Amino acid sequence: MIGAGNETCCQTPPVFRQAAYQQRMAKRLHPNAVIELDIARECWESSIAGQHVSEYIQQLGVHPFHVVFYTEQQLQLYINACRTTEAVVHVDATGSVIANIPGQKRPLYYCLLLHDGSLPVMDILTTRHSGEWLHSLLLMFNASVRLINRGSLVTPRQIVTDFSYALMSACLAAFNSAMSIDGYLSFTYRCISRHYSTAQLTSFSYLTLCMAHMMKTVSIRVCKVESRPQIRKFTVTSFAALQRTQELRVAQTLYRNVYVALVSKRETEAVVAARQQILQAVSHTNSVGEPSQEDAKLNRLKYSDVRTLKDRSPYTAEFGRAIDDVLLDDDDDSCPENATCSPQSFQAIKSIMHLYPLWSATFQTNIERFGNNASTAQVASDDAEPICQTNAAVESHFKPSSAVDSAAISVVDPISSLPPSCSMSTEKSIRRRCRS
């Protein structure tokens, strides 16, 4: 047979991908995503009952396309976490979950995931991505929380997200009583100035930008303006040191050193000392690699700064004052050239200093130390190892879901999950819709 040419070769990856795609399509209840989701909603309505909130699909719309998933059990898990612990919720979004819908923007899958678990507390598929729209969907989630929790709203202590103004705005408004981003920056500044009691401080949710996302953002911005690899590495290392700071005064001193090390033209003693202090501050952190071309492309599309926000932030003036009186000995010809001189790289760090409390370790642990009635022990614990949260948990959750056509459907056959108590008329209705 071999002599006759009857040989079977290993299939190529595209062939396997096509086979997997055809297998997923065979399990689809309907080629139209909205109709398929509505069929699944009817199935889950019969199979997932709750005392206050039933079903799994809580909201389904066409223009804009959106679907909101959560069950009463997920809500109860979230409520218990917020009641008993300093709950941390990770919020992020990913694409390539369902096919594009004609006439609408690219659909994204948003997920709210508890830090100490692998189960999401809320999933969203939507083609609208504005902060106001996402805020409205989170408000519906809050309404369900109140329904289960006897009219009382509970919120997480920490919310970790990426550098998306829409997500930042939506989370702050939903979990902090319609607070805006610039309002939150002013609030954190008043916290640092000890304007609140410890009881007041613990009633708020605190927003944190993923450490890895922020380091990648700075790395991309530096790569656009600086071609020397060693300077790029030193700049990102300097930002990593700033990320680990837990006190504004420490951050201001470090920022001053970064300014001296990157802007001075001569290798003076001040430059050497500044560089050493930066490296000491970040000696226990891992270095960040160069961003890929795809990362740089996504950065241009996704990240946009808001000048009015920069002007309104109290941290713009605080860090500006930290370097106002710095005198650089650039006229001293007896000193060699500064090997780390790169003013444009310093600008990459300066451009996000107005968001300091969002990406630093300042509000990621021991919030009570900022209370105007804080105990000595609470203030002393300020020297603890800084915590820098990442969104690794939710990104790991995204990996298996990016290969399927829906975050919640096409994984199981909803009809097979109908309970024995489901009426025959309901099952026949659903099967009739699937055939049509």
Protein backbone atom coordinates (compact mmCIF):
# COMPACT_ATOMS: atom_id res chain seq x y z
CA MET A 1 0.00 0.00 0.00
CA ILE A 2 2.85 2.38 0.78
CA GLY A 3 4.37 1.59 -2.57
CA ALA A 4 1.09 2.55 -4.20
CA GLY A 5 1.27 5.96 -2.53
CA ASN A 6 -1.36 5.38 0.17
CA GLU A 7 0.21 7.62 2.82
CA THR A 8 -1.61 9.72 5.41
CA CYS A 9 0.17 12.92 6.41
CA CYS A 10 -0.40 14.85 9.62
CA GLN A 11 -3.00 17.55 9.19
CA THR A 12 -1.88 21.17 9.30
CA PRO A 13 -3.04 23.60 12.05
CA PRO A 14 -5.50 25.36 9.69
CA VAL A 15 -7.21 22.02 9.04
CA PHE A 16 -7.59 21.39 12.78
CA ARG A 17 -8.91 24.92 13.31
CA GLN A 18 -11.48 24.44 10.55
CA ALA A 19 -12.57 21.11 12.03
CA ALA A 20 -12.93 22.67 15.48
CA TYR A 21 -14.92 25.56 13.98
CA GLN A 22 -17.30 23.17 12.19
CA GLN A 23 -17.77 21.20 15.41
CA ARG A 24 -18.70 24.38 17.30
CA MET A 25 -21.07 25.45 14.55
CA ALA A 26 -22.81 22.06 14.70
CA LYS A 27 -23.62 22.69 18.36
CA ARG A 28 -25.10 26.14 17.73
CA LEU A 29 -28.78 26.47 18.52
CA HIS A 30 -29.25 29.11 15.83
CA PRO A 31 -26.94 30.94 13.38
CA ASN A 32 -28.13 34.31 14.71
CA ALA A 33 -26.40 35.15 17.99
CA VAL A 34 -29.33 37.12 19.45
CA ILE A 35 -31.85 34.38 18.71
CA GLU A 36 -29.46 31.77 20.05
CA LEU A 37 -29.03 33.71 23.27
CA ASP A 38 -32.79 34.16 23.60
CA ILE A 39 -33.26 30.39 23.23
CA ALA A 40 -30.59 29.82 25.87
CA ARG A 41 -32.31 32.38 28.11
CA GLU A 42 -35.57 30.42 27.95
CA CYS A 43 -33.72 27.22 28.84
CA TRP A 44 -31.94 28.76 31.79
CA GLU A 45 -35.16 30.45 32.91
CA SER A 46 -36.58 26.99 33.48
CA SER A 47 -33.45 25.37 34.90
CA ILE A 48 -31.92 28.11 37.10
CA ALA A 49 -34.32 29.33 39.74
CA GLY A 50 -33.52 31.67 42.61
CA GLN A 51 -35.34 33.16 45.55
CA HIS A 52 -34.81 36.75 44.36
CA VAL A 53 -32.99 36.54 41.01
CA SER A 54 -33.69 33.76 38.54
CA GLU A 55 -32.09 32.72 35.27
CA TYR A 56 -28.53 33.32 34.05
CA ILE A 57 -29.14 35.88 31.29
CA GLN A 58 -30.41 38.95 33.13
CA GLN A 59 -30.59 41.35 30.17
CA LEU A 60 -30.51 40.91 26.40
CA GLY A 61 -30.65 43.67 23.81
CA VAL A 62 -30.23 44.12 20.06
CA HIS A 63 -29.27 47.81 19.46
CA PRO A 64 -26.72 47.97 20.88
CA PHE A 65 -26.20 44.25 21.14
CA HIS A 66 -25.59 43.36 24.77
CA VAL A 67 -26.17 40.47 27.13
CA VAL A 68 -25.57 40.40 30.89
CA PHE A 69 -24.91 37.12 32.70
CA TYR A 70 -25.07 36.32 36.41
CA THR A 71 -27.01 34.07 38.76
CA GLU A 72 -28.25 34.53 42.31
CA GLN A 73 -25.50 32.17 43.50
CA GLN A 74 -22.84 34.40 41.93
CA LEU A 75 -24.39 37.46 43.55
CA GLN A 76 -24.40 35.74 46.95
CA LEU A 77 -20.73 34.82 46.53
CA TYR A 78 -19.93 38.46 45.77
CA ILE A 79 -21.97 39.73 48.73
CA ASN A 80 -20.27 37.31 51.14
CA ALA A 81 -16.83 38.39 49.91
CA CYS A 82 -17.63 42.09 50.30
CA ARG A 83 -19.09 41.53 53.77
CA THR A 84 -16.39 39.38 55.31
CA THR A 85 -13.14 40.35 53.57
CA GLU A 86 -11.44 43.27 51.88
CA ALA A 87 -12.75 42.00 48.58
CA VAL A 88 -10.75 42.61 45.42
CA VAL A 89 -12.61 42.52 42.09
CA HIS A 90 -10.75 42.33 38.77
CA VAL A 91 -12.46 43.94 35.76
CA ASP A 92 -11.18 43.52 32.22
CA ALA A 93 -12.35 42.99 28.65
CA THR A 94 -11.31 40.88 25.68
CA GLY A 95 -12.40 40.41 22.08
CA SER A 96 -12.66 37.49 19.63
CA VAL A 97 -15.43 35.86 21.64
CA ILE A 98 -18.31 36.17 19.17
CA ALA A 99 -18.40 37.18 15.52
CA ASN A 100 -18.79 40.84 14.62
CA ILE A 101 -22.37 42.07 14.27
CA PRO A 102 -23.05 44.06 11.06
CA GLY A 103 -23.55 47.76 11.65
CA GLN A 104 -22.23 47.67 15.21
CA LYS A 105 -18.86 48.03 16.89
CA ARG A 106 -16.65 45.09 17.74
CA PRO A 107 -18.24 43.04 20.55
CA LEU A 108 -16.17 42.68 23.71
CA TYR A 109 -16.51 40.31 26.63
CA TYR A 110 -16.28 42.08 30.02
CA CYS A 111 -15.72 40.06 33.17
CA LEU A 112 -15.89 40.85 36.91
CA LEU A 113 -13.85 38.26 38.79
CA LEU A 114 -13.17 37.93 42.51
CA HIS A 115 -9.47 37.94 43.38
CA ASP A 116 -9.53 34.73 45.45
CA GLY A 117 -11.68 32.67 43.11
CA SER A 118 -11.96 31.52 39.52
CA LEU A 119 -15.70 32.16 39.21
CA PRO A 120 -16.84 35.44 37.66
CA VAL A 121 -19.56 37.34 39.51
CA MET A 122 -20.74 39.06 36.33
CA ASP A 123 -20.17 38.65 32.58
CA ILE A 124 -21.10 41.13 29.85
CA LEU A 125 -21.08 40.88 26.06
CA THR A 126 -21.68 44.21 24.35
CA THR A 127 -20.88 46.25 21.26
CA ARG A 128 -21.09 49.59 23.11
CA HIS A 129 -18.06 50.47 25.22
CA SER A 130 -18.60 53.98 26.59
CA GLY A 131 -18.19 54.64 30.28
CA GLU A 132 -21.82 55.74 30.61
CA TRP A 133 -23.11 52.54 29.04
CA LEU A 134 -20.93 50.23 31.14
CA HIS A 135 -21.95 52.24 34.20
CA SER A 136 -25.63 51.55 33.46
CA LEU A 137 -24.99 47.80 33.26
CA LEU A 138 -23.10 47.85 36.55
CA LEU A 139 -25.98 49.75 38.16
CA MET A 140 -28.29 46.86 37.22
CA PHE A 141 -25.85 44.51 38.96
CA ASN A 142 -25.95 46.77 42.05
CA ALA A 143 -29.75 46.68 42.00
CA SER A 144 -29.67 42.88 42.09
CA VAL A 145 -27.19 42.99 44.98
CA ARG A 146 -29.58 45.21 46.94
CA LEU A 147 -32.46 42.85 46.13
CA ILE A 148 -30.64 39.91 47.67
CA ASN A 149 -28.97 41.83 50.50
CA ARG A 150 -32.17 43.24 52.05
CA GLY A 151 -31.90 46.59 50.33
CA SER A 152 -28.28 47.24 51.32
CA LEU A 153 -25.50 47.73 48.74
CA VAL A 154 -22.07 46.23 49.39
CA THR A 155 -19.03 47.08 47.30
CA PRO A 156 -15.49 45.68 47.02
CA ARG A 157 -12.55 47.34 48.75
CA GLN A 158 -10.36 47.20 45.62
CA ILE A 159 -11.22 47.29 41.92
CA VAL A 160 -8.39 46.34 39.55
CA THR A 161 -8.71 47.23 35.88
CA ASP A 162 -6.53 48.18 32.94
CA PHE A 163 -5.74 51.65 31.57
CA SER A 164 -9.16 52.20 30.00
CA TYR A 165 -10.89 55.49 30.83
CA ALA A 166 -14.28 53.93 30.05
CA LEU A 167 -13.77 51.10 32.56
CA MET A 168 -12.25 53.43 35.14
CA SER A 169 -15.15 55.86 34.84
CA ALA A 170 -17.82 53.14 34.92
CA CYS A 171 -16.39 51.37 37.99
CA LEU A 172 -15.89 54.55 40.01
CA ALA A 173 -19.39 55.80 39.21
CA ALA A 174 -21.04 52.44 39.99
CA PHE A 175 -19.18 51.56 43.20
CA ASN A 176 -18.55 55.06 44.63
CA SER A 177 -21.91 56.81 44.21
CA ALA A 178 -21.43 58.46 40.80
CA MET A 179 -17.86 59.60 41.55
CA SER A 180 -15.92 60.81 38.48
CA ILE A 181 -12.23 60.16 37.80
CA ASP A 182 -11.14 63.70 38.65
CA GLY A 183 -13.40 63.56 41.72
CA TYR A 184 -11.68 60.35 42.78
CA LEU A 185 -8.22 61.90 42.35
CA SER A 186 -9.27 64.82 44.58
CA PHE A 187 -10.76 62.36 47.09
CA THR A 188 -7.51 60.37 47.35
CA TYR A 189 -5.58 63.60 47.85
CA ARG A 190 -7.87 64.49 50.76
CA CYS A 191 -7.29 60.96 52.11
CA ILE A 192 -3.53 61.49 52.06
CA SER A 193 -4.10 64.84 53.80
CA ARG A 194 -6.05 62.93 56.49
CA HIS A 195 -9.40 64.61 56.08
CA TYR A 196 -11.37 61.40 56.80
CA SER A 197 -11.81 59.01 59.71
CA THR A 198 -10.95 55.33 59.34
CA ALA A 199 -14.67 54.47 59.26
CA GLN A 200 -15.23 56.88 56.38
CA LEU A 201 -12.22 55.53 54.47
CA THR A 202 -13.43 51.93 54.64
CA SER A 203 -16.79 52.87 53.11
CA PHE A 204 -15.24 53.60 49.69
CA SER A 205 -13.99 51.38 46.87
CA TYR A 206 -10.46 52.08 45.63
CA LEU A 207 -9.46 51.83 41.99
CA THR A 208 -6.14 50.30 40.95
CA LEU A 209 -4.68 50.11 37.45
CA CYS A 210 -3.04 46.76 36.67
CA MET A 211 0.70 47.02 37.37
CA ALA A 212 1.63 45.02 34.26
CA HIS A 213 -0.64 47.11 32.00
CA MET A 214 0.88 50.34 33.29
CA MET A 215 4.46 49.14 32.88
CA LYS A 216 3.67 48.07 29.34
CA THR A 217 2.07 51.46 28.66
CA VAL A 218 5.18 53.31 29.85
CA SER A 219 7.43 50.93 27.93
CA ILE A 220 5.52 51.59 24.70
CA ARG A 221 5.62 55.35 25.17
CA VAL A 222 9.36 55.26 25.84
CA CYS A 223 10.00 53.09 22.79
CA LYS A 224 8.37 55.75 20.62
CA VAL A 225 10.84 58.45 21.71
CA GLU A 226 14.03 56.61 22.73
CA SER A 227 16.05 54.20 20.57
CA ARG A 228 18.71 53.19 23.13
CA PRO A 229 17.72 49.92 24.89
CA GLN A 230 19.60 50.69 28.12
CA ILE A 231 17.84 54.04 28.51
CA ARG A 232 14.47 52.43 27.84
CA LYS A 233 15.17 49.78 30.47
CA PHE A 234 16.30 52.36 33.04
CA THR A 235 13.19 54.49 32.42
CA VAL A 236 10.82 51.56 32.92
CA THR A 237 12.80 50.53 36.01
CA SER A 238 12.37 54.06 37.37
CA PHE A 239 8.62 53.85 36.84
CA ALA A 240 8.55 50.45 38.58
CA ALA A 241 10.19 52.11 41.60
CA LEU A 242 7.48 54.78 41.59
CA GLN A 243 4.79 52.10 41.41
CA ARG A 244 6.01 50.57 44.66
CA THR A 245 5.77 53.78 46.68
CA GLN A 246 3.08 53.95 49.38
CA GLU A 247 3.52 57.56 50.50
CA LEU A 248 3.28 60.74 48.43
CA ARG A 249 6.38 62.31 50.02
CA VAL A 250 8.46 59.21 49.16
CA ALA A 251 7.13 59.29 45.59
CA GLN A 252 8.02 62.98 45.26
CA THR A 253 11.60 62.33 46.37
CA LEU A 254 11.92 59.42 43.95
CA TYR A 255 10.36 61.46 41.13
CA ARG A 256 12.94 64.16 41.79
CA ASN A 257 15.70 61.56 41.43
CA VAL A 258 14.20 60.29 38.16
CA TYR A 259 14.17 63.86 36.86
CA VAL A 260 17.85 64.37 37.77
CA ALA A 261 18.92 61.03 36.28
CA LEU A 262 17.07 61.44 32.97
CA VAL A 263 17.28 65.19 32.31
CA SER A 264 20.80 66.11 33.47
CA LYS A 265 23.30 66.34 30.62
CA ARG A 266 26.39 65.78 32.82
CA GLU A 267 27.36 62.80 34.96
CA THR A 268 27.57 64.76 38.21
CA GLU A 269 27.64 63.31 41.72
CA ALA A 270 23.97 64.20 42.03
CA VAL A 271 23.16 62.10 38.96
CA VAL A 272 25.10 59.10 40.26
CA ALA A 273 23.42 59.35 43.67
CA ALA A 274 19.96 59.70 42.10
CA ARG A 275 20.50 56.66 39.92
CA GLN A 276 21.63 54.56 42.88
CA GLN A 277 18.57 55.50 44.93
CA ILE A 278 16.27 54.55 42.06
CA LEU A 279 17.91 51.15 41.62
CA GLN A 280 17.80 50.48 45.36
CA ALA A 281 14.11 51.25 45.47
CA VAL A 282 13.33 48.69 42.78
CA SER A 283 15.91 46.01 43.58
CA HIS A 284 13.25 43.33 44.25
CA THR A 285 11.14 43.78 41.12
CA ASN A 286 11.34 41.98 37.81
CA SER A 287 12.40 43.78 34.65
CA VAL A 288 9.95 44.31 31.79
CA GLY A 289 10.70 43.21 28.24
CA GLU A 290 10.33 45.29 25.12
CA PRO A 291 6.73 45.64 23.84
CA SER A 292 5.79 43.89 20.61
CA GLN A 293 4.62 45.79 17.50
CA GLU A 294 1.09 44.49 18.15
CA ASP A 295 1.18 45.93 21.68
CA ALA A 296 2.26 49.29 20.32
CA LYS A 297 -0.59 49.24 17.78
CA LEU A 298 -3.19 48.41 20.44
CA ASN A 299 -1.78 51.16 22.65
CA ARG A 300 -2.35 53.78 19.97
CA LEU A 301 -5.94 52.65 19.56
CA LYS A 302 -6.82 52.19 23.21
CA TYR A 303 -5.07 54.75 25.36
CA SER A 304 -5.93 58.41 25.19
CA ASP A 305 -5.03 61.01 27.77
CA VAL A 306 -7.45 63.69 28.92
CA ARG A 307 -5.81 67.11 29.25
CA THR A 308 -8.58 68.51 31.42
CA LEU A 309 -8.11 65.59 33.81
CA LYS A 310 -4.41 66.36 34.03
CA ASP A 311 -5.16 70.00 34.79
CA ARG A 312 -7.69 69.12 37.48
CA SER A 313 -5.61 66.48 39.23
CA PRO A 314 -3.97 67.77 42.45
CA TYR A 315 -1.02 65.45 41.79
CA THR A 316 0.04 67.44 38.73
CA ALA A 317 0.96 70.38 40.93
CA GLU A 318 2.39 68.18 43.71
CA PHE A 319 4.89 66.46 41.46
CA GLY A 320 5.56 69.68 39.58
CA ARG A 321 6.69 71.33 42.82
CA ALA A 322 8.98 68.37 43.52
CA ILE A 323 11.24 69.32 40.59
CA ASP A 324 10.69 73.08 40.37
CA ASP A 325 13.75 73.94 42.45
CA VAL A 326 16.14 71.32 41.01
CA LEU A 327 19.36 72.88 39.70
CA LEU A 328 21.16 70.84 37.05
CA ASP A 329 24.94 71.36 36.71
CA ASP A 330 24.86 71.05 32.92
CA ASP A 331 27.53 73.75 32.45
CA ASP A 332 30.23 71.80 34.30
CA ASP A 333 32.48 70.67 31.42
CA SER A 334 34.75 68.76 33.82
CA CYS A 335 32.08 66.07 34.15
CA PRO A 336 31.46 63.50 31.40
CA GLU A 337 28.14 63.24 29.58
CA ASN A 338 25.29 61.62 31.46
CA ALA A 339 24.84 58.10 30.08
CA THR A 340 21.14 58.09 31.02
CA CYS A 341 20.24 61.53 29.70
CA SER A 342 16.89 61.30 27.90
CA PRO A 343 14.46 64.18 28.59
CA GLN A 344 11.92 62.67 26.22
CA SER A 345 11.88 59.46 28.28
CA PHE A 346 11.24 61.50 31.42
CA GLN A 347 8.23 63.03 29.66
CA ALA A 348 6.77 59.54 29.22
CA ILE A 349 6.70 59.17 33.03
CA LYS A 350 5.64 62.76 33.64
CA SER A 351 2.63 62.33 31.35
CA ILE A 352 0.92 59.91 33.79
CA MET A 353 1.97 61.35 37.15
CA HIS A 354 -1.43 63.03 37.51
CA LEU A 355 -2.87 59.51 37.89
CA TYR A 356 -0.41 58.59 40.67
CA PRO A 357 -2.90 57.06 43.17
CA LEU A 358 -4.36 54.82 40.46
CA TRP A 359 -1.16 52.98 39.53
CA SER A 360 0.92 53.18 42.72
CA ALA A 361 0.77 50.99 45.83
CA THR A 362 -0.54 53.88 47.95
CA PHE A 363 -4.15 52.72 48.22
CA GLN A 364 -3.70 48.99 47.69
CA THR A 365 -3.29 48.05 51.36
CA ASN A 366 -3.85 49.41 54.87
CA ILE A 367 -6.18 52.22 53.84
CA GLU A 368 -6.91 52.84 57.52
CA ARG A 369 -3.48 54.41 58.06
CA PHE A 370 -4.73 57.59 56.35
CA GLY A 371 -7.52 58.07 58.91
CA ASN A 372 -7.32 61.17 61.09
CA ASN A 373 -8.05 58.89 64.05
CA ALA A 374 -5.71 56.06 63.01
CA SER A 375 -3.90 54.16 65.77
CA THR A 376 -0.12 54.05 66.06
CA ALA A 377 -0.13 50.43 64.96
CA GLN A 378 -2.09 51.24 61.78
CA VAL A 379 0.32 54.03 60.85
CA ALA A 380 3.39 51.92 61.69
CA SER A 381 2.29 49.14 59.31
CA ASP A 382 2.96 51.61 56.49
CA ASP A 383 6.46 50.09 56.25
CA ALA A 384 5.07 46.73 55.09
CA GLU A 385 6.00 45.31 51.71
CA PRO A 386 4.03 47.17 49.01
CA ILE A 387 1.28 45.39 47.09
CA CYS A 388 1.02 45.95 43.34
CA GLN A 389 -2.08 44.26 41.93
CA THR A 390 -2.27 42.85 38.41
CA ASN A 391 -5.15 41.51 36.32
CA ALA A 392 -3.47 38.15 35.78
CA ALA A 393 -6.42 36.33 37.36
CA VAL A 394 -9.03 37.62 34.92
CA GLU A 395 -6.67 37.35 31.94
CA SER A 396 -6.13 33.67 32.79
CA HIS A 397 -9.90 33.30 32.86
CA PHE A 398 -10.10 34.81 29.36
CA LYS A 399 -7.73 32.30 27.74
CA PRO A 400 -10.12 29.33 27.40
CA SER A 401 -13.08 31.56 26.47
CA SER A 402 -11.30 33.28 23.57
CA ALA A 403 -11.49 30.08 21.55
CA VAL A 404 -15.27 29.72 21.68
CA ASP A 405 -18.07 31.63 20.04
CA SER A 406 -19.69 32.78 23.25
CA ALA A 407 -18.73 33.23 26.87
CA ALA A 408 -21.75 31.34 28.05
CA ILE A 409 -23.47 29.55 25.16
CA SER A 410 -22.31 26.75 22.88
CA VAL A 411 -20.53 25.21 25.88
CA VAL A 412 -23.44 23.02 26.95
CA ASP A 413 -26.72 22.10 25.31
CA PRO A 414 -29.26 24.24 27.21
CA ILE A 415 -32.08 21.85 26.35
CA SER A 416 -30.30 18.94 28.03
CA SER A 417 -29.97 21.07 31.18
CA LEU A 418 -33.73 21.50 31.57
CA PRO A 419 -34.93 20.17 34.93
CA PRO A 420 -37.32 17.20 35.09
CA SER A 421 -40.02 19.57 36.36
CA CYS A 422 -39.91 21.57 33.11
CA SER A 423 -43.21 21.28 31.26
CA MET A 424 -43.34 19.47 27.91
CA SER A 425 -44.80 22.59 26.29
CA THR A 426 -41.71 24.60 27.25
CA GLU A 427 -39.34 22.00 25.81
CA LYS A 428 -41.37 21.68 22.60
CA SER A 429 -41.41 25.48 22.21
CA ILE A 430 -37.65 25.70 22.53
CA ARG A 431 -37.03 22.84 20.12
CA ARG A 432 -39.41 24.43 17.60
CA ARG A 433 -37.40 27.72 17.79
CA CYS A 434 -34.13 25.80 17.29
CA ARG A 435 -35.48 24.17 14.13
CA SER A 436 -36.68 27.48 12.74
